[in-house]
Structures are given as C-alpha cells and as structure tokens.
Amino acid sequence: MADTRRIAAGFGIATPVVTLGAILLATLVAPPETFTWSHRALSDMGRLDAGTFWLFNGGLVAGGLLGPPFVWRLWIAARNTLERAGSVCYGLAVCGMFFVGIFFLEHTAWYLETELHGPAALLFFGLAPVSNWVLGAGAVRAGDRKWGLFTVGVGIAHVLVWASWILYVTTVATRPTAWFAVPEMGAAALFGGWTVVAARRFLVPFPSPFSVS
C-alpha cells in the first residue's frame, strides 16, 4: 500500500511537468501568427489550424489523465471534511484542464454543436484557487498551520494574478484582451507549482518546512 501511495504522489510531479512543459514548448515553437504573449491567449495554440494543435492540447489531455492518482492521494491523506472537499475541488480543476484540451477552440467545426471550451477553462481557473483555499483551511484546522497558510496563500496569489491583469486592461491597455496569456500562464504555474510541492511532501521521508504547525 505504501508503494501505491508513493506512486500516486509521483503523479503529482509528473502531471505539471508534462502539462506545463508542453505549454511552454508550444509557446517557443508557435509562429507569431499563432501565438504572441501580448496578442493571443494560450488556447490559440490549440486551434485546429495551429501547428501546435497536438502539442498544446495533448499536454493538457495528458495532464488530465495523469492527475487522478494524485487526486486519490490527496483524498486518502485528508484529515477532515475540509481537506476532502478541497481534494474534490482540486480533482474538478484537473478535469477542467483535461477538457480544455478536449474542447479546444473551434472544436465545434470538428464535433459537437455546443462550444464548451469556455466552460472548461472557467472550471479550471475558477476551481484552482478554491481548491487551495479549502485544502489550506482544512490543513490549518488539522493543526498543520504552516502548510495550510502556504496553501491559502497560493490561492490568494491566483486572485492577485488575475486582479493585476484586470487592473492593467482597464486602466492602461488599449485592447481588452492584451497580454491575456500572462495571467493564464501565471495561474497554471501556481496550480502546477503547488502540486509539485504537495507531492514532494508525500514523497520526502523527513518533515517538509510546511509540515509543522
């Protein structure tokens, strides 16, 4: 059982490495007409006619498929109802990431008449910080104060990233979608970064700096 738990924790490292790696690689190889940080969203790299279609969407789908074992690891490690609820929110955020890749931009030209890319993206970006807040509150309640406050702080950082971008586009930018890819990438990096740190807490046999009250 211990080996199974360690393997599941390892998926918490593999998932963001695969997904963020694919996204970053896509930004490097995408031509300017497909993606630029200032004029495009990350999802533009997943359009049907984009050369990065398989790389970008494949990374999201692969991450969504790799994520469930770590969701299970979070669930069995939960010490109270809040941590279990946070695990569910985290799992739903992973589902959102998966469906962003499945319901890529302009997927209606290939299958389905209902555009589902937006709802999938909202599921991910909306529940990512919520999962941090709930998991963090649960950790604090369980007496794991430093880890709980760190986790809540990551959730707050999500909001600050989006709030900073909204402030920019409402006061300085000349286009309402200017630099939209930046907060998208920031939120994805926060989600993936927290996942790696959380997975490492399960894997490292000695106490993490965030594991004591």
Protein backbone atom coordinates (compact mmCIF):
# COMPACT_ATOMS: atom_id res chain seq x y z
CA MET A 1 0.00 0.00 0.00
CA ALA A 2 2.87 2.35 0.83
CA ASP A 3 4.36 1.85 -2.65
CA THR A 4 0.98 2.58 -4.23
CA ARG A 5 0.73 5.82 -2.27
CA ARG A 6 4.24 6.87 -3.31
CA ILE A 7 3.49 6.12 -6.95
CA ALA A 8 0.30 8.17 -6.72
CA ALA A 9 2.27 11.02 -5.16
CA GLY A 10 4.77 10.77 -8.01
CA PHE A 11 1.94 11.51 -10.43
CA GLY A 12 1.66 14.86 -8.66
CA ILE A 13 5.09 15.72 -10.04
CA ALA A 14 4.59 14.15 -13.46
CA THR A 15 1.32 15.95 -14.16
CA PRO A 16 2.55 19.58 -14.02
CA VAL A 17 5.88 18.67 -15.63
CA VAL A 18 4.11 17.19 -18.64
CA THR A 19 1.41 19.86 -18.92
CA LEU A 20 3.49 22.97 -18.24
CA GLY A 21 6.33 21.54 -20.30
CA ALA A 22 4.03 21.09 -23.29
CA ILE A 23 2.58 24.59 -22.92
CA LEU A 24 5.99 26.24 -22.61
CA LEU A 25 7.36 24.29 -25.55
CA ALA A 26 4.33 25.29 -27.61
CA THR A 27 4.97 28.98 -26.84
CA LEU A 28 8.53 28.58 -28.08
CA VAL A 29 7.74 26.85 -31.37
CA ALA A 30 4.47 28.61 -32.23
CA PRO A 31 4.83 31.15 -35.07
CA PRO A 32 3.78 34.76 -34.36
CA GLU A 33 0.56 34.38 -36.34
CA THR A 34 -0.43 31.58 -33.95
CA PHE A 35 0.78 32.95 -30.63
CA THR A 36 2.34 36.01 -29.04
CA TRP A 37 2.17 36.83 -25.34
CA SER A 38 0.77 40.29 -25.98
CA HIS A 39 -1.89 39.47 -28.57
CA ARG A 40 -3.04 35.88 -28.06
CA ALA A 41 -4.47 33.55 -25.42
CA LEU A 42 -2.69 30.31 -24.65
CA SER A 43 -5.62 28.40 -26.12
CA ASP A 44 -4.94 29.93 -29.53
CA MET A 45 -2.11 27.41 -29.78
CA GLY A 46 -4.74 24.67 -29.63
CA ARG A 47 -6.83 25.79 -32.59
CA LEU A 48 -7.44 23.26 -35.34
CA ASP A 49 -5.26 25.06 -37.87
CA ALA A 50 -2.38 25.72 -35.45
CA GLY A 51 0.86 23.81 -35.88
CA THR A 52 0.96 23.41 -32.09
CA PHE A 53 -2.50 21.78 -32.02
CA TRP A 54 -1.32 18.33 -30.91
CA LEU A 55 1.43 19.59 -28.61
CA PHE A 56 -0.73 22.07 -26.71
CA ASN A 57 -3.93 20.04 -26.45
CA GLY A 58 -2.00 16.80 -25.99
CA GLY A 59 -0.21 18.27 -22.98
CA LEU A 60 -3.50 19.28 -21.36
CA VAL A 61 -5.15 15.93 -22.05
CA ALA A 62 -2.09 14.00 -20.83
CA GLY A 63 -2.04 16.09 -17.66
CA GLY A 64 -5.71 15.40 -17.11
CA LEU A 65 -5.11 11.66 -17.48
CA LEU A 66 -2.09 11.70 -15.17
CA GLY A 67 -3.82 13.77 -12.49
CA PRO A 68 -6.38 11.34 -10.94
CA PRO A 69 -3.85 9.21 -9.00
CA PHE A 70 -2.64 12.33 -7.20
CA VAL A 71 -6.23 13.40 -6.54
CA TRP A 72 -6.70 10.00 -4.88
CA ARG A 73 -3.52 10.61 -2.84
CA LEU A 74 -4.89 13.92 -1.61
CA TRP A 75 -8.21 12.26 -0.74
CA ILE A 76 -6.75 9.43 1.35
CA ALA A 77 -4.45 11.88 3.14
CA ALA A 78 -7.36 14.15 4.10
CA ARG A 79 -7.70 14.62 7.84
CA ASN A 80 -11.09 16.31 7.89
CA THR A 81 -14.11 17.25 5.79
CA LEU A 82 -12.49 20.44 4.51
CA GLU A 83 -9.48 18.62 3.12
CA ARG A 84 -11.73 16.06 1.47
CA ALA A 85 -13.81 18.86 -0.07
CA GLY A 86 -10.61 20.55 -1.22
CA SER A 87 -9.49 17.30 -2.84
CA VAL A 88 -12.75 17.20 -4.78
CA CYS A 89 -12.29 20.81 -5.91
CA TYR A 90 -8.73 20.02 -6.95
CA GLY A 91 -9.95 16.98 -8.91
CA LEU A 92 -12.58 19.06 -10.69
CA ALA A 93 -9.90 21.61 -11.61
CA VAL A 94 -7.86 18.78 -13.14
CA CYS A 95 -10.98 17.76 -15.08
CA GLY A 96 -11.27 21.34 -16.32
CA MET A 97 -7.68 21.22 -17.55
CA PHE A 98 -8.37 17.95 -19.34
CA PHE A 99 -11.50 19.30 -21.03
CA VAL A 100 -9.74 22.48 -22.15
CA GLY A 101 -7.68 20.17 -24.32
CA ILE A 102 -10.63 18.05 -25.42
CA PHE A 103 -12.88 21.04 -26.16
CA PHE A 104 -10.20 23.13 -27.87
CA LEU A 105 -11.03 26.43 -29.53
CA GLU A 106 -13.21 25.87 -32.62
CA HIS A 107 -13.91 22.25 -31.68
CA THR A 108 -17.45 22.79 -32.97
CA ALA A 109 -16.02 22.66 -36.51
CA TRP A 110 -14.97 19.08 -35.79
CA TYR A 111 -17.51 17.76 -33.29
CA LEU A 112 -20.38 18.95 -31.06
CA GLU A 113 -22.51 21.98 -31.79
CA THR A 114 -22.16 23.49 -28.31
CA GLU A 115 -18.99 25.45 -27.61
CA LEU A 116 -17.55 24.04 -24.38
CA HIS A 117 -14.05 25.50 -24.32
CA GLY A 118 -15.06 28.50 -22.22
CA PRO A 119 -16.87 26.47 -19.52
CA ALA A 120 -13.92 24.07 -19.32
CA ALA A 121 -11.48 26.95 -18.87
CA LEU A 122 -13.68 28.53 -16.21
CA LEU A 123 -13.84 25.21 -14.39
CA PHE A 124 -10.06 25.10 -14.21
CA PHE A 125 -9.28 28.74 -13.49
CA GLY A 126 -12.22 29.09 -11.09
CA LEU A 127 -11.65 25.97 -9.01
CA ALA A 128 -7.84 26.08 -8.88
CA PRO A 129 -7.78 28.82 -6.21
CA VAL A 130 -10.86 27.45 -4.47
CA SER A 131 -9.13 24.10 -4.03
CA ASN A 132 -6.18 25.89 -2.43
CA TRP A 133 -8.38 27.82 -0.03
CA VAL A 134 -10.37 24.79 1.07
CA LEU A 135 -7.34 22.49 1.34
CA GLY A 136 -5.46 25.20 3.19
CA ALA A 137 -8.29 25.83 5.62
CA GLY A 138 -8.51 22.09 6.23
CA ALA A 139 -4.78 21.88 6.93
CA VAL A 140 -4.97 24.74 9.42
CA ARG A 141 -7.90 23.04 11.12
CA ALA A 142 -5.87 19.83 11.33
CA GLY A 143 -3.06 21.73 13.07
CA ASP A 144 -0.80 21.85 10.00
CA ARG A 145 -0.67 25.64 10.20
CA LYS A 146 2.36 26.50 8.05
CA TRP A 147 1.30 24.26 5.20
CA GLY A 148 -2.27 25.49 5.45
CA LEU A 149 -1.29 29.15 5.31
CA PHE A 150 1.07 28.48 2.42
CA THR A 151 -1.71 26.73 0.51
CA VAL A 152 -4.21 29.50 1.19
CA GLY A 153 -1.55 31.97 0.08
CA VAL A 154 -1.21 30.20 -3.26
CA GLY A 155 -4.97 30.54 -3.73
CA ILE A 156 -4.73 34.25 -2.96
CA ALA A 157 -1.88 34.55 -5.47
CA HIS A 158 -4.24 33.24 -8.16
CA VAL A 159 -6.62 36.11 -7.44
CA LEU A 160 -3.81 38.67 -7.39
CA VAL A 161 -2.55 37.48 -10.78
CA TRP A 162 -5.98 37.94 -12.36
CA ALA A 163 -6.72 41.17 -10.46
CA SER A 164 -3.43 42.69 -11.65
CA TRP A 165 -4.26 41.84 -15.24
CA ILE A 166 -7.80 43.23 -14.93
CA LEU A 167 -6.39 46.45 -13.46
CA TYR A 168 -3.96 46.68 -16.36
CA VAL A 169 -6.54 46.18 -19.11
CA THR A 170 -9.00 48.60 -17.51
CA THR A 171 -6.51 51.41 -16.94
CA VAL A 172 -3.58 51.09 -19.36
CA ALA A 173 -4.17 48.61 -22.18
CA THR A 174 -5.73 49.62 -25.48
CA ARG A 175 -7.28 46.17 -26.02
CA PRO A 176 -9.43 44.23 -23.53
CA THR A 177 -7.52 41.00 -24.19
CA ALA A 178 -4.00 42.43 -24.17
CA TRP A 179 -1.44 40.09 -22.55
CA PHE A 180 -4.22 37.66 -21.58
CA ALA A 181 -1.81 34.73 -21.87
CA VAL A 182 0.26 36.07 -18.97
CA PRO A 183 -2.33 35.60 -16.19
CA GLU A 184 -3.32 32.30 -17.80
CA MET A 185 0.26 31.07 -17.56
CA GLY A 186 0.64 32.52 -14.09
CA ALA A 187 -2.42 30.65 -12.83
CA ALA A 188 -1.30 27.42 -14.49
CA ALA A 189 2.17 27.77 -12.95
CA LEU A 190 0.71 28.37 -9.49
CA PHE A 191 -1.51 25.31 -9.80
CA GLY A 192 1.33 23.15 -11.08
CA GLY A 193 3.87 24.53 -8.62
CA TRP A 194 1.62 23.85 -5.63
CA THR A 195 1.01 20.34 -6.93
CA VAL A 196 4.75 19.61 -7.10
CA VAL A 197 5.34 20.92 -3.57
CA ALA A 198 2.37 18.96 -2.22
CA ALA A 199 3.55 15.78 -3.97
CA ARG A 200 7.04 16.21 -2.56
CA ARG A 201 5.61 16.37 0.97
CA PHE A 202 4.21 12.89 0.41
CA LEU A 203 7.46 11.58 -1.07
CA VAL A 204 10.15 13.04 1.18
CA PRO A 205 10.56 10.91 4.33
CA PHE A 206 11.63 13.81 6.53
CA PRO A 207 9.42 16.77 7.57
CA SER A 208 8.78 19.44 4.97
CA PRO A 209 9.23 23.08 6.06
CA PHE A 210 5.47 23.36 5.57
CA SER A 211 4.53 20.23 7.53
CA VAL A 212 4.75 21.55 11.07
CA SER A 213 2.46 23.90 12.95
